[in-house]
């Protein structure tokens, strides 16, 4: 296929919390009218959501006060356990039931709902919705779209959800439509009516299997608590993105030694109070994520760490974050397909590695099963972009000073790294993009600067979300471009367009807002990116990188212009 019209991926890395400035604004949005009824693709996924410890006592389906089917035990006061089977068959869910409801007018109660709301594991017809309550009482979960008349919404799901013993609210919601934006919220009720709520969230379902359209992703990692409230994430939350990708070190748990310690630290990171950027950014779109080391402790060795500590860290991670919709232990690696545009392939580059094998003939950086699965996804994916959430960079970094810590990344396991790159070359797999964090700097690189063929055109994007690394000063062109030079900025006012199934509030409703755009007079870094991009603006399958803070931004070509 020589031309793939509309296969565009836009990345919004949330870099450099230490300095805030405006950056190039997007007009907007992804398309998709939601009319398709294509079912979810057969992309293999694995992982383990931690579900509520509550249990349902039956499976009868009743009708709520809104007229929308919701699942219960037959008792009006019964609650959902959050399991996929609790949703029941609801064939009219895409249309919903229109009711008079003003969700933003319900009083926000951050004492009862103190932490972020999140949507995760978004597929074409489902998502995993997540929140937390400080009280043990069941809450009302509503999922809706705007109604046809002002002051109304179309409720597509309404469920009573009981918090688990640690207060977490978790509900798998299905029966949705591909490529559509939905809003959701957890509400405290009196006499069946919402009287208090947490932060309201929104998410977009994955686009249909046969759809091809531009996608915008926000990217972050390495969010040290000393950078709270993460200004770059605050700025990111005011932009448009279809998906938020987090590459690990979402929380720094290095000093935590017990399950209670880990849980407490996660609650601090996800706090809504004081404008926490993480809570703001996660409320604006659904999340795909992997972990790095600090979710457990710095540079932990899976072969030697106290098994109980690792168990506690992983338990708290799967409790706090809607990682996956498919139970399978603590398995992080999984894949999510968005039509023919992109497949997001999530790796676990931490918990399966065996440092004792690093220099052997058979090193284990990814477990054997994960490596075989990764190859299968790369080989069989029908998507234009294969986007790998990699956590730790795979690029052949400059020897000085970066190789002093090579044993902590792919380069420290050279045989398995070469195995993967050789597979990409042998199968001629184009448009593979690695997304990585860990280094606390931002760059775009050739994964193998001296490689041949498709490997020579394979790129990596590294970002940070707060922590910074002075070693970034040693990065240089032509094979590795550091995104650190501030763009000259000018201001202008323009309408923010809303197209197709765009976000349901805030974005797209403030026509004429001020946006800061990079000046056409390019700095050396932007000129380098321009040279890399060539005719990207006119060519289908382009990849554009845009940052959420002070970093220079430009659009890049896709990895294989001939495809």
Protein backbone atom coordinates (compact mmCIF):
# COMPACT_ATOMS: atom_id res chain seq x y z
CA UNK A 1 0.00 0.00 0.00
CA UNK A 2 1.73 3.13 -1.23
CA UNK A 3 -0.56 5.71 0.28
CA UNK A 4 -2.32 5.69 3.61
CA UNK A 5 -4.36 8.85 3.69
CA UNK A 6 -4.95 10.14 7.16
CA UNK A 7 -2.49 7.91 9.01
CA UNK A 8 -1.04 10.60 11.20
CA UNK A 9 0.20 10.26 14.75
CA UNK A 10 0.76 13.38 16.83
CA UNK A 11 2.73 13.06 20.05
CA UNK A 12 2.50 15.59 22.88
CA UNK A 13 5.38 14.83 25.26
CA UNK A 14 4.96 16.49 28.64
CA UNK A 15 8.56 17.60 29.15
CA UNK A 16 10.38 20.00 31.44
CA UNK A 17 8.26 20.95 34.39
CA UNK A 18 10.97 23.32 35.57
CA UNK A 19 10.12 25.95 32.93
CA UNK A 20 6.72 26.69 31.48
CA UNK A 21 6.05 28.31 28.14
CA UNK A 22 3.46 28.00 25.45
CA UNK A 23 3.97 25.84 22.44
CA UNK A 24 2.43 25.25 19.10
CA UNK A 25 -1.31 24.70 19.43
CA UNK A 26 -3.38 22.09 17.65
CA UNK A 27 -6.68 22.91 16.07
CA UNK A 28 -8.00 20.00 17.05
CA UNK A 29 -9.14 16.86 16.71
CA UNK A 30 -9.67 13.38 15.60
CA UNK A 31 -12.53 12.33 13.43
CA UNK A 32 -14.91 9.44 13.78
CA UNK A 33 -18.66 9.51 13.76
CA UNK A 34 -19.17 6.37 15.77
CA UNK A 35 -21.54 4.89 13.22
CA UNK A 36 -19.46 1.77 12.77
CA UNK A 37 -20.45 -1.31 14.70
CA UNK A 38 -17.24 -3.19 14.01
CA UNK A 39 -16.34 -5.39 16.93
CA UNK A 40 -13.05 -5.33 18.71
CA UNK A 41 -10.05 -6.65 16.82
CA UNK A 42 -8.36 -9.89 17.72
CA UNK A 43 -5.26 -8.26 19.14
CA UNK A 44 -4.01 -10.49 21.95
CA UNK A 45 -3.94 -8.72 25.29
CA UNK A 46 -2.77 -9.78 28.69
CA UNK A 47 -2.76 -8.25 32.12
CA UNK A 48 -4.51 -8.04 35.45
CA UNK A 49 -6.94 -5.44 36.69
CA UNK A 50 -7.50 -5.51 40.42
CA UNK A 51 -11.24 -5.69 40.86
CA UNK A 52 -13.40 -4.91 43.84
CA UNK A 53 -13.48 -7.42 46.62
CA UNK A 54 -17.25 -7.05 46.72
CA UNK A 55 -19.25 -9.86 45.20
CA UNK A 56 -22.51 -9.79 43.31
CA UNK A 57 -25.31 -12.04 44.49
CA UNK A 58 -27.02 -12.45 41.14
CA UNK A 59 -26.99 -11.54 37.50
CA UNK A 60 -30.44 -10.17 36.71
CA UNK A 61 -30.63 -6.99 34.66
CA UNK A 62 -32.91 -4.19 35.76
CA UNK A 63 -33.66 -0.70 34.53
CA UNK A 64 -32.41 2.37 36.36
CA UNK A 65 -34.30 5.57 37.00
CA UNK A 66 -32.89 7.02 33.79
CA UNK A 67 -34.32 4.24 31.67
CA UNK A 68 -30.86 2.89 30.90
CA UNK A 69 -30.27 -0.80 31.50
CA UNK A 70 -27.90 -1.36 34.36
CA UNK A 71 -26.79 -4.51 36.06
CA UNK A 72 -27.97 -5.48 39.51
CA UNK A 73 -28.91 -8.49 41.56
CA UNK A 74 -32.60 -7.76 41.27
CA UNK A 75 -32.39 -5.74 44.47
CA UNK A 76 -32.44 -1.98 43.68
CA UNK A 77 -29.77 -1.37 46.32
CA UNK A 78 -27.33 -4.00 45.04
CA UNK A 79 -23.97 -3.02 43.66
CA UNK A 80 -21.66 -3.99 40.83
CA UNK A 81 -18.39 -5.78 41.48
CA UNK A 82 -16.72 -4.10 38.52
CA UNK A 83 -16.20 -7.37 36.66
CA UNK A 84 -16.80 -7.43 32.86
CA UNK A 85 -19.64 -9.92 33.28
CA UNK A 86 -21.56 -7.44 35.42
CA UNK A 87 -22.38 -5.21 32.47
CA UNK A 88 -25.01 -7.41 30.87
CA UNK A 89 -26.35 -7.13 27.32
CA UNK A 90 -27.32 -3.57 26.45
CA UNK A 91 -27.75 -3.28 22.68
CA UNK A 92 -29.03 0.31 22.77
CA UNK A 93 -26.04 1.64 24.71
CA UNK A 94 -24.62 3.65 21.80
CA UNK A 95 -27.78 5.73 21.57
CA UNK A 96 -28.35 6.10 25.30
CA UNK A 97 -31.28 7.56 27.19
CA UNK A 98 -31.67 11.34 27.13
CA UNK A 99 -32.33 12.86 30.54
CA UNK A 100 -32.21 16.30 32.12
CA UNK A 101 -28.85 16.38 33.88
CA UNK A 102 -26.14 19.02 34.43
CA UNK A 103 -23.14 17.04 35.74
CA UNK A 104 -20.88 20.08 36.14
CA UNK A 105 -23.48 21.69 38.39
CA UNK A 106 -23.28 18.86 40.94
CA UNK A 107 -21.14 19.94 43.87
CA UNK A 108 -17.55 18.71 43.66
CA UNK A 109 -16.58 16.91 46.88
CA UNK A 110 -12.80 16.38 46.97
CA UNK A 111 -12.93 15.25 50.59
CA UNK A 112 -14.95 12.23 49.51
CA UNK A 113 -13.31 11.81 46.07
CA UNK A 114 -9.74 13.06 46.63
CA UNK A 115 -7.84 11.36 43.80
CA UNK A 116 -7.74 11.23 40.02
CA UNK A 117 -10.38 9.57 37.90
CA UNK A 118 -8.96 7.50 35.08
CA UNK A 119 -10.10 5.48 32.11
CA UNK A 120 -7.85 2.66 30.96
CA UNK A 121 -7.74 -0.30 28.59
CA UNK A 122 -9.83 1.54 25.99
CA UNK A 123 -10.98 -0.74 23.22
CA UNK A 124 -13.53 -0.22 20.46
CA UNK A 125 -16.51 -1.01 22.65
CA UNK A 126 -15.23 -0.89 26.23
CA UNK A 127 -13.07 0.82 28.83
CA UNK A 128 -12.07 0.33 32.47
CA UNK A 129 -13.15 3.28 34.64
CA UNK A 130 -11.43 4.01 37.91
CA UNK A 131 -11.73 6.33 40.90
CA UNK A 132 -11.54 6.35 44.67
CA UNK A 133 -13.87 7.19 47.55
CA UNK A 134 -13.06 7.97 51.18
CA UNK A 135 -16.41 6.59 52.35
CA UNK A 136 -17.60 2.96 52.14
CA UNK A 137 -20.98 3.84 50.67
CA UNK A 138 -21.79 2.76 47.11
CA UNK A 139 -21.61 5.51 44.49
CA UNK A 140 -23.34 6.10 41.19
CA UNK A 141 -21.26 5.78 38.04
CA UNK A 142 -22.69 7.55 35.00
CA UNK A 143 -21.29 7.47 31.48
CA UNK A 144 -22.83 9.89 28.99
CA UNK A 145 -22.60 12.00 25.86
CA UNK A 146 -24.13 15.43 25.23
CA UNK A 147 -27.87 15.48 24.72
CA UNK A 148 -29.67 17.08 21.80
CA UNK A 149 -31.11 19.81 24.01
CA UNK A 150 -29.17 22.11 26.32
CA UNK A 151 -29.27 20.85 29.89
CA UNK A 152 -29.62 17.20 28.83
CA UNK A 153 -27.25 14.28 28.36
CA UNK A 154 -27.59 10.86 26.79
CA UNK A 155 -26.78 8.37 29.53
CA UNK A 156 -25.26 5.23 28.06
CA UNK A 157 -24.37 3.52 31.33
CA UNK A 158 -25.54 3.93 34.91
CA UNK A 159 -24.28 1.62 37.63
CA UNK A 160 -24.03 1.57 41.40
CA UNK A 161 -20.43 0.73 42.27
CA UNK A 162 -19.19 -0.23 45.73
CA UNK A 163 -15.65 0.82 46.75
CA UNK A 164 -13.35 -2.01 47.70
CA UNK A 165 -11.80 -2.24 51.16
CA UNK A 166 -9.22 0.41 50.20
CA UNK A 167 -11.75 2.79 48.69
CA UNK A 168 -11.02 2.08 45.03
CA UNK A 169 -13.87 2.29 42.53
CA UNK A 170 -13.35 0.14 39.47
CA UNK A 171 -15.82 -0.70 36.74
CA UNK A 172 -15.47 -2.34 33.33
CA UNK A 173 -17.91 -0.68 30.93
CA UNK A 174 -18.80 -2.26 27.60
CA UNK A 175 -21.41 -1.83 24.88
CA UNK A 176 -19.82 1.43 23.71
CA UNK A 177 -19.24 2.56 20.12
CA UNK A 178 -15.87 2.80 18.32
CA UNK A 179 -14.11 6.13 18.07
CA UNK A 180 -16.50 8.01 20.34
CA UNK A 181 -15.86 10.42 23.20
CA UNK A 182 -17.65 9.75 26.48
CA UNK A 183 -17.80 11.62 29.77
CA UNK A 184 -18.09 9.86 33.11
CA UNK A 185 -18.24 10.58 36.80
CA UNK A 186 -18.65 8.98 40.20
CA UNK A 187 -21.46 10.57 42.23
CA UNK A 188 -22.63 10.42 45.81
CA UNK A 189 -26.41 10.28 45.93
CA UNK A 190 -29.35 11.06 48.18
CA UNK A 191 -32.68 9.41 47.38
CA UNK A 192 -31.21 8.27 44.10
CA UNK A 193 -30.19 11.75 42.93
CA UNK A 194 -26.56 12.92 42.52
CA UNK A 195 -25.59 15.43 45.20
CA UNK A 196 -21.78 15.22 45.22
CA UNK A 197 -19.13 14.15 42.75
CA UNK A 198 -15.47 13.72 42.10
CA UNK A 199 -13.59 15.17 39.14
CA UNK A 200 -15.39 14.44 35.89
CA UNK A 201 -13.46 12.52 33.29
CA UNK A 202 -13.64 11.78 29.59
CA UNK A 203 -12.21 9.17 27.27
CA UNK A 204 -12.34 8.07 23.67
CA UNK A 205 -12.87 4.48 22.59
CA UNK A 206 -10.50 2.96 20.04
CA UNK A 207 -11.46 3.56 16.42
CA UNK A 208 -12.95 0.76 14.32
CA UNK A 209 -10.77 -1.91 12.72
CA UNK A 210 -11.15 -0.49 9.23
CA UNK A 211 -10.80 3.18 10.22
CA UNK A 212 -7.79 5.33 9.42
CA UNK A 213 -7.54 8.84 10.79
CA UNK A 214 -5.09 11.10 12.60
CA UNK A 215 -4.45 10.34 16.26
CA UNK A 216 -2.99 12.59 18.92
CA UNK A 217 -1.19 11.13 21.92
CA UNK A 218 0.17 12.80 25.05
CA UNK A 219 3.30 11.25 26.55
CA UNK A 220 4.92 11.53 29.96
CA UNK A 221 7.05 9.67 32.50
CA UNK A 222 9.36 10.26 35.48
CA UNK A 223 7.01 12.43 37.54
CA UNK A 224 8.93 13.08 40.73
CA UNK A 225 6.74 14.30 43.61
CA UNK A 226 9.15 17.18 44.25
CA UNK A 227 7.95 18.57 40.89
CA UNK A 228 4.31 18.61 42.04
CA UNK A 229 1.96 19.93 40.66
CA UNK A 230 3.77 19.09 37.38
CA UNK A 231 3.19 22.26 35.33
CA UNK A 232 3.87 20.45 32.05
CA UNK A 233 1.03 18.04 32.79
CA UNK A 234 -1.20 20.95 33.74
CA UNK A 235 -0.41 22.52 30.36
CA UNK A 236 -0.93 19.21 28.60
CA UNK A 237 -4.40 18.86 30.10
CA UNK A 238 -5.48 21.98 28.23
CA UNK A 239 -4.62 20.45 24.84
CA UNK A 240 -6.33 17.89 22.65
CA UNK A 241 -5.20 14.26 22.74
CA UNK A 242 -6.98 10.99 22.02
CA UNK A 243 -4.82 8.90 24.36
CA UNK A 244 -2.41 9.54 27.22
CA UNK A 245 0.67 7.28 27.22
CA UNK A 246 2.70 6.94 30.40
CA UNK A 247 6.11 5.29 30.11
CA UNK A 248 6.83 4.55 33.76
CA UNK A 249 8.04 6.11 37.02
CA UNK A 250 4.56 7.49 37.54
CA UNK A 251 5.29 7.39 41.27
CA UNK A 252 8.62 7.30 43.10
CA UNK A 253 8.14 4.65 45.76
CA UNK A 254 11.80 4.13 46.64
CA UNK A 255 11.39 4.52 50.39
CA UNK A 256 8.24 2.46 50.73
CA UNK A 257 8.57 -0.91 52.44
CA UNK A 258 5.01 -2.08 53.12
CA UNK A 259 1.77 -2.34 51.19
CA UNK A 260 0.31 0.48 53.29
CA UNK A 261 3.32 2.68 52.45
CA UNK A 262 2.94 2.04 48.72
CA UNK A 263 -0.79 2.73 48.83
CA UNK A 264 -0.28 6.00 50.70
CA UNK A 265 2.30 7.24 48.21
CA UNK A 266 0.07 6.48 45.24
CA UNK A 267 -2.72 8.51 46.83
CA UNK A 268 -0.34 11.47 47.21
CA UNK A 269 0.67 11.29 43.55
CA UNK A 270 -2.88 11.05 42.28
CA UNK A 271 -4.28 13.80 44.51
CA UNK A 272 -6.64 16.26 42.85
CA UNK A 273 -6.10 19.05 45.39
CA UNK A 274 -3.82 21.97 44.49
CA UNK A 275 -4.28 21.42 40.77
CA UNK A 276 -2.20 18.26 40.48
CA UNK A 277 -1.25 17.95 36.81
CA UNK A 278 -1.44 14.18 36.83
CA UNK A 279 -5.08 14.20 37.91
CA UNK A 280 -5.90 16.92 35.36
CA UNK A 281 -4.20 15.14 32.46
CA UNK A 282 -5.74 11.73 33.20
CA UNK A 283 -9.23 13.22 33.33
CA UNK A 284 -8.92 14.45 29.74
CA UNK A 285 -8.43 11.14 27.92
CA UNK A 286 -7.92 7.44 28.52
CA UNK A 287 -4.58 6.00 29.67
CA UNK A 288 -2.26 3.29 28.40
CA UNK A 289 0.80 2.76 30.60
CA UNK A 290 3.77 0.67 31.52
CA UNK A 291 5.96 0.73 34.63
CA UNK A 292 9.64 1.37 35.17
CA UNK A 293 11.73 0.86 38.29
CA UNK A 294 10.49 3.53 40.71
CA UNK A 295 7.02 2.05 40.93
CA UNK A 296 8.91 -0.54 43.01
CA UNK A 297 12.26 1.01 43.98
CA UNK A 298 15.24 2.47 42.16
CA UNK A 299 17.00 0.03 39.78
CA UNK A 300 15.50 -2.99 41.51
CA UNK A 301 16.76 -6.41 40.52
CA UNK A 302 13.88 -8.90 40.07
CA UNK A 303 16.23 -11.76 40.93
CA UNK A 304 17.27 -10.39 44.33
CA UNK A 305 14.53 -8.05 45.58
CA UNK A 306 12.50 -9.17 48.59
CA UNK A 307 9.56 -11.05 46.99
CA UNK A 308 7.12 -9.52 49.48
CA UNK A 309 8.22 -6.02 48.64
CA UNK A 310 7.81 -6.69 44.93
CA UNK A 311 4.39 -8.21 45.59
CA UNK A 312 3.30 -5.16 47.60
CA UNK A 313 4.57 -2.74 44.96
CA UNK A 314 2.80 -4.54 42.12
CA UNK A 315 -0.40 -4.92 44.15
CA UNK A 316 -0.50 -1.18 44.84
CA UNK A 317 0.24 -0.36 41.19
CA UNK A 318 -2.61 -2.47 39.85
CA UNK A 319 -4.92 -1.10 42.54
CA UNK A 320 -4.13 2.55 41.84
CA UNK A 321 -4.10 2.49 38.02
CA UNK A 322 -6.53 0.97 35.46
CA UNK A 323 -3.70 -0.95 33.81
CA UNK A 324 -5.60 -3.64 31.95
CA UNK A 325 -8.94 -5.28 31.39
CA UNK A 326 -7.66 -8.86 31.12
CA UNK A 327 -6.74 -10.76 34.29
CA UNK A 328 -3.39 -12.58 34.22
CA UNK A 329 -1.34 -12.11 37.35
CA UNK A 330 0.70 -8.91 37.32
CA UNK A 331 1.36 -9.07 33.58
CA UNK A 332 1.82 -5.57 32.19
CA UNK A 333 2.50 -6.32 28.52
CA UNK A 334 -0.48 -6.02 26.24
CA UNK A 335 -1.58 -4.36 23.02
CA UNK A 336 -4.30 -1.94 21.94
CA UNK A 337 -5.23 -1.38 18.32
CA UNK A 338 -6.68 1.86 16.92
CA UNK A 339 -8.02 0.93 13.50
CA UNK A 340 -5.43 0.91 10.75
CA UNK A 341 -3.61 3.93 12.16
CA UNK A 342 -1.70 2.64 15.19
CA UNK A 343 -1.20 -0.30 17.46
CA UNK A 344 0.06 0.59 20.95
CA UNK A 345 2.29 -2.25 22.15
CA UNK A 346 2.96 -2.03 25.88
CA UNK A 347 6.11 -3.75 27.17
CA UNK A 348 7.31 -4.71 30.64
CA UNK A 349 11.05 -3.97 30.58
CA UNK A 350 11.54 -4.33 34.34
CA UNK A 351 9.96 -7.22 36.15
CA UNK A 352 11.00 -10.06 33.82
CA UNK A 353 14.64 -9.16 33.27
CA UNK A 354 17.40 -11.34 34.73
CA UNK A 355 20.54 -9.27 35.26
CA UNK A 356 22.59 -12.39 36.00
CA UNK A 357 22.14 -13.41 32.35
CA UNK A 358 23.00 -10.04 30.80
CA UNK A 359 26.37 -11.06 29.39
CA UNK A 360 25.47 -14.65 28.61
CA UNK A 361 24.65 -16.17 25.25
CA UNK A 362 20.97 -16.14 26.21
CA UNK A 363 20.23 -12.93 28.15
CA UNK A 364 16.75 -12.21 29.46
CA UNK A 365 15.67 -8.59 29.28
CA UNK A 366 12.16 -9.47 28.19
CA UNK A 367 10.90 -12.89 29.21
CA UNK A 368 10.80 -15.48 26.42
CA UNK A 369 7.02 -15.42 26.21
CA UNK A 370 6.91 -11.63 26.08
CA UNK A 371 9.57 -11.50 23.35
CA UNK A 372 7.70 -14.05 21.21
CA UNK A 373 4.49 -12.08 21.70
CA UNK A 374 6.20 -8.79 20.77
CA UNK A 375 7.50 -10.29 17.53
CA UNK A 376 4.07 -11.65 16.71
CA UNK A 377 2.44 -8.26 17.24
CA UNK A 378 5.02 -6.46 15.11
CA UNK A 379 4.74 -9.01 12.33
CA UNK A 380 0.96 -9.35 12.21
CA UNK A 381 -0.19 -5.82 13.03
CA UNK A 382 -2.17 -4.29 10.14
CA UNK A 383 -1.56 -0.79 11.51
CA UNK A 384 0.57 1.85 9.83
CA UNK A 385 2.34 2.77 13.08
CA UNK A 386 3.58 0.18 15.55
CA UNK A 387 4.10 2.25 18.71
CA UNK A 388 6.07 0.50 21.47
CA UNK A 389 5.77 1.75 25.05
CA UNK A 390 9.28 0.81 26.03
CA UNK A 391 10.02 2.54 29.38
CA UNK A 392 13.84 2.39 29.05
CA UNK A 393 15.51 3.51 25.77
CA UNK A 394 16.71 0.99 23.19
CA UNK A 395 18.80 3.50 21.20
CA UNK A 396 22.52 2.83 20.80
CA UNK A 397 23.50 5.78 22.98
CA UNK A 398 26.82 7.63 22.77
CA UNK A 399 29.54 5.80 24.68
CA UNK A 400 30.44 8.76 26.90
CA UNK A 401 28.84 9.29 29.34
CA UNK A 402 25.80 7.11 28.71
CA UNK A 403 27.42 3.68 28.66
CA UNK A 404 28.36 3.94 32.34
CA UNK A 405 24.80 2.74 33.01
CA UNK A 406 24.27 0.59 29.92
CA UNK A 407 23.52 -2.48 32.04
CA UNK A 408 20.20 -0.89 33.08
CA UNK A 409 18.71 -0.80 29.57
CA UNK A 410 18.48 -2.77 26.32
CA UNK A 411 22.17 -2.14 25.54
CA UNK A 412 23.09 -4.08 28.66
CA UNK A 413 21.49 -7.17 27.09
CA UNK A 414 23.07 -6.90 23.64
CA UNK A 415 22.13 -10.34 22.34
CA UNK A 416 18.41 -9.90 22.97
CA UNK A 417 18.46 -6.33 21.72
CA UNK A 418 20.08 -7.49 18.49
CA UNK A 419 17.58 -10.33 18.24
CA UNK A 420 14.72 -7.83 18.18
CA UNK A 421 16.36 -5.47 15.70
CA UNK A 422 17.33 -8.38 13.43
CA UNK A 423 13.71 -9.55 13.47
CA UNK A 424 12.47 -6.10 12.46
CA UNK A 425 15.02 -6.07 9.64
CA UNK A 426 14.38 -9.62 8.45
CA UNK A 427 10.61 -9.09 8.36
CA UNK A 428 11.01 -5.58 6.90
CA UNK A 429 8.64 -4.11 9.51
CA UNK A 430 8.26 -0.42 8.82
CA UNK A 431 7.10 2.47 10.99
CA UNK A 432 8.09 1.01 14.34
CA UNK A 433 8.41 3.82 16.89
CA UNK A 434 9.83 3.22 20.35
CA UNK A 435 8.58 5.57 23.10
CA UNK A 436 10.81 5.67 26.17
CA UNK A 437 11.45 7.47 29.43
CA UNK A 438 13.80 6.80 32.36
CA UNK A 439 16.65 9.11 31.19
CA UNK A 440 15.00 12.36 32.37
CA UNK A 441 15.64 14.07 29.07
CA UNK A 442 13.86 14.52 25.74
CA UNK A 443 15.26 13.44 22.39
CA UNK A 444 14.43 11.86 19.05
CA UNK A 445 16.92 9.32 17.77
CA UNK A 446 17.80 6.69 15.23
CA UNK A 447 17.65 3.46 17.25
CA UNK A 448 20.69 2.11 15.42
CA UNK A 449 22.67 5.03 13.91
CA UNK A 450 24.89 2.74 11.86
CA UNK A 451 22.18 0.27 10.90
CA UNK A 452 21.01 -0.67 7.44
CA UNK A 453 17.63 -0.84 5.75
CA UNK A 454 14.52 -0.52 7.83
CA UNK A 455 16.46 -0.55 11.13
CA UNK A 456 18.34 2.57 10.03
CA UNK A 457 14.97 4.29 9.69
CA UNK A 458 13.56 3.10 13.01
CA UNK A 459 13.26 5.92 15.52
CA UNK A 460 12.85 6.42 19.23
CA UNK A 461 11.24 9.29 21.14
CA UNK A 462 12.39 9.79 24.73
CA UNK A 463 10.60 12.14 27.11
CA UNK A 464 10.45 13.21 30.71
CA UNK A 465 7.67 14.70 32.78
CA UNK A 466 9.41 16.61 35.54
CA UNK A 467 12.81 15.22 36.45
CA UNK A 468 15.73 16.49 34.36
CA UNK A 469 19.18 15.09 33.63
CA UNK A 470 22.29 17.20 33.02
CA UNK A 471 23.67 14.41 30.81
CA UNK A 472 21.20 15.56 28.20
CA UNK A 473 23.80 18.22 27.40
CA UNK A 474 25.94 15.47 25.83
CA UNK A 475 23.35 14.57 23.19
CA UNK A 476 24.08 15.75 19.68
CA UNK A 477 22.97 15.47 16.06
CA UNK A 478 22.86 13.99 13.51
CA UNK A 479 21.65 10.67 14.86
CA UNK A 480 20.15 11.95 18.09
CA UNK A 481 18.32 15.27 18.34
CA UNK A 482 17.83 16.77 21.76
CA UNK A 483 14.57 18.66 22.22
CA UNK A 484 15.78 21.32 24.62
CA UNK A 485 16.11 24.60 22.81
CA UNK A 486 13.18 26.95 23.46
CA UNK A 487 11.35 28.08 20.36
CA UNK A 488 10.80 31.75 19.69
CA UNK A 489 7.17 32.34 20.46
CA UNK A 490 4.50 34.64 19.22
CA UNK A 491 0.85 34.87 20.17
CA UNK A 492 -2.26 34.96 18.10
CA UNK A 493 -5.92 34.28 18.64
CA UNK A 494 -7.75 31.77 16.51
CA UNK A 495 -10.89 29.69 16.85
CA UNK A 496 -10.39 26.20 18.18
CA UNK A 497 -12.28 23.93 15.83
CA UNK A 498 -14.22 20.91 16.89
CA UNK A 499 -14.57 18.11 14.36
CA UNK A 500 -16.26 14.76 14.42
CA UNK A 501 -16.44 13.06 17.78
CA UNK A 502 -14.25 15.55 19.56
CA UNK A 503 -13.94 16.02 23.32
CA UNK A 504 -17.22 16.62 25.06
CA UNK A 505 -16.38 19.72 27.08
CA UNK A 506 -13.76 22.34 27.73
CA UNK A 507 -11.63 21.73 24.66
CA UNK A 508 -13.30 22.98 21.52
CA UNK A 509 -15.76 25.20 23.38
CA UNK A 510 -13.60 28.25 23.97
CA UNK A 511 -13.36 29.78 20.52
CA UNK A 512 -10.80 32.51 20.33
CA UNK A 513 -8.60 31.35 23.17
CA UNK A 514 -4.99 32.43 23.11
CA UNK A 515 -2.53 29.86 21.84
CA UNK A 516 1.24 30.19 21.62
CA UNK A 517 2.84 28.96 18.42
CA UNK A 518 6.43 28.38 17.44
CA UNK A 519 7.81 31.22 15.32
CA UNK A 520 8.65 30.29 11.71
CA UNK A 521 12.19 31.53 12.38
CA UNK A 522 13.56 28.18 13.39
CA UNK A 523 16.24 27.53 15.96
CA UNK A 524 18.99 25.05 15.04
CA UNK A 525 17.06 22.21 16.68
CA UNK A 526 13.87 22.95 14.79
CA UNK A 527 15.87 23.22 11.58
CA UNK A 528 17.29 19.77 12.27
CA UNK A 529 13.80 18.40 12.77
CA UNK A 530 12.68 20.09 9.58
CA UNK A 531 15.50 18.39 7.70
CA UNK A 532 14.48 15.05 9.17
CA UNK A 533 10.86 15.61 8.19
CA UNK A 534 11.47 16.50 4.55
CA UNK A 535 8.06 16.61 2.87
CA UNK A 536 6.19 15.29 5.90
CA UNK A 537 3.49 17.94 5.80
CA UNK A 538 2.40 16.73 2.36
CA UNK A 539 2.96 13.02 2.85
CA UNK A 540 0.50 10.57 4.34
CA UNK A 541 1.67 8.63 7.34
CA UNK A 542 3.49 11.52 8.96
CA UNK A 543 4.41 11.64 12.61
CA UNK A 544 4.45 14.99 14.35
CA UNK A 545 6.03 15.62 17.70
CA UNK A 546 4.66 18.43 19.81
CA UNK A 547 5.64 19.11 23.39
CA UNK A 548 3.65 20.49 26.27
CA UNK A 549 6.19 22.84 27.75
CA UNK A 550 9.20 24.80 26.55
CA UNK A 551 10.61 22.36 24.03
CA UNK A 552 10.87 23.13 20.33
CA UNK A 553 8.38 21.25 18.18
CA UNK A 554 8.18 20.19 14.59
CA UNK A 555 6.56 17.50 12.52
CA UNK A 556 8.63 14.47 11.58
CA UNK A 557 8.35 12.13 8.66
CA UNK A 558 7.18 8.63 9.23
CA UNK A 559 9.90 6.06 9.37
CA UNK A 560 9.27 4.73 5.86
CA UNK A 561 8.16 7.36 3.32
CA UNK A 562 7.70 4.74 0.65
CA UNK A 563 4.97 2.81 2.36
